[in-house]
Amino acid sequence: MDQKIGDVYRYPEDRGKMCPTSFCIIWPMILVMLSGGSFDGFEDDRNSTTVGCSDYRHQVVYKITRNAIPDS
């Protein structure tokens, strides 16, 4: 998928740019974050977490961060 260190993906705009398998793995985390929830493993004041891809040959670790978007 030509991913490299430092790549940034924004949801939902960049959903089609990342590996579909990786997206399936991080999708539950995104749903929790969108609903205002968090997990015990969350970092940074419970607004981010890291998730690893299941492909053992091409280990990619994603950091998922929730950012507040100001009302327009």
Protein backbone atom coordinates (compact mmCIF):
# COMPACT_ATOMS: atom_id res chain seq x y z
CA MET A 1 0.00 0.00 0.00
CA ASP A 2 3.09 2.23 -0.08
CA GLN A 3 2.63 3.37 3.52
CA LYS A 4 5.57 5.01 5.23
CA ILE A 5 6.43 6.33 8.66
CA GLY A 6 4.69 9.60 9.35
CA ASP A 7 1.76 9.10 6.97
CA VAL A 8 -1.41 10.73 8.30
CA TYR A 9 -4.94 9.61 7.46
CA ARG A 10 -8.01 11.60 8.37
CA TYR A 11 -11.35 9.92 8.86
CA PRO A 12 -13.55 9.82 6.84
CA GLU A 13 -11.78 11.74 4.05
CA ASP A 14 -8.82 9.34 3.65
CA ARG A 15 -10.55 6.05 4.38
CA GLY A 16 -9.89 4.67 0.88
CA LYS A 17 -6.17 5.54 0.98
CA MET A 18 -5.16 3.03 3.62
CA CYS A 19 -4.96 -0.76 3.55
CA PRO A 20 -8.51 -2.19 3.76
CA THR A 21 -7.45 -4.87 6.26
CA SER A 22 -5.86 -2.27 8.53
CA PHE A 23 -8.99 -0.16 8.33
CA CYS A 24 -11.10 -3.15 9.42
CA ILE A 25 -8.83 -3.58 12.44
CA ILE A 26 -8.98 0.07 13.54
CA TRP A 27 -12.67 0.63 12.68
CA PRO A 28 -13.94 -0.49 16.14
CA MET A 29 -11.56 2.02 17.78
CA ILE A 30 -12.83 4.77 15.49
CA LEU A 31 -16.45 3.95 16.40
CA VAL A 32 -15.66 4.11 20.12
CA MET A 33 -13.86 7.43 19.71
CA LEU A 34 -16.65 8.91 17.57
CA SER A 35 -19.16 8.06 20.29
CA GLY A 36 -17.05 9.75 22.97
CA GLY A 37 -15.85 6.51 24.56
CA SER A 38 -12.37 5.28 25.38
CA PHE A 39 -10.49 2.11 26.33
CA ASP A 40 -8.18 1.43 29.27
CA GLY A 41 -5.19 1.39 26.89
CA PHE A 42 -5.85 4.91 25.63
CA GLU A 43 -3.07 7.46 26.08
CA ASP A 44 -2.84 11.25 26.03
CA ASP A 45 -5.75 12.07 28.31
CA ARG A 46 -7.73 9.15 26.79
CA ASN A 47 -7.77 10.68 23.31
CA SER A 48 -5.36 8.37 21.47
CA THR A 49 -4.29 4.75 21.21
CA THR A 50 -2.02 2.60 19.08
CA VAL A 51 -3.17 -0.42 17.08
CA GLY A 52 -1.01 -2.87 15.14
CA CYS A 53 -1.86 -4.36 11.76
CA SER A 54 -2.42 -8.12 11.75
CA ASP A 55 -0.03 -8.67 8.81
CA TYR A 56 3.04 -10.13 10.54
CA ARG A 57 5.19 -9.66 7.41
CA HIS A 58 4.56 -5.92 7.14
CA GLN A 59 4.15 -4.63 10.67
CA VAL A 60 2.45 -1.27 10.64
CA VAL A 61 1.41 0.42 13.86
CA TYR A 62 -1.25 3.11 13.73
CA LYS A 63 -1.71 5.82 16.30
CA ILE A 64 -5.37 6.84 16.37
CA THR A 65 -6.04 10.27 17.84
CA ARG A 66 -9.34 12.00 18.55
CA ASN A 67 -9.29 15.76 17.92
CA ALA A 68 -12.16 18.09 18.68
CA ILE A 69 -13.40 20.01 15.66
CA PRO A 70 -14.74 23.46 16.54
CA ASP A 71 -18.30 24.26 15.51
CA SER A 72 -18.52 26.50 12.46
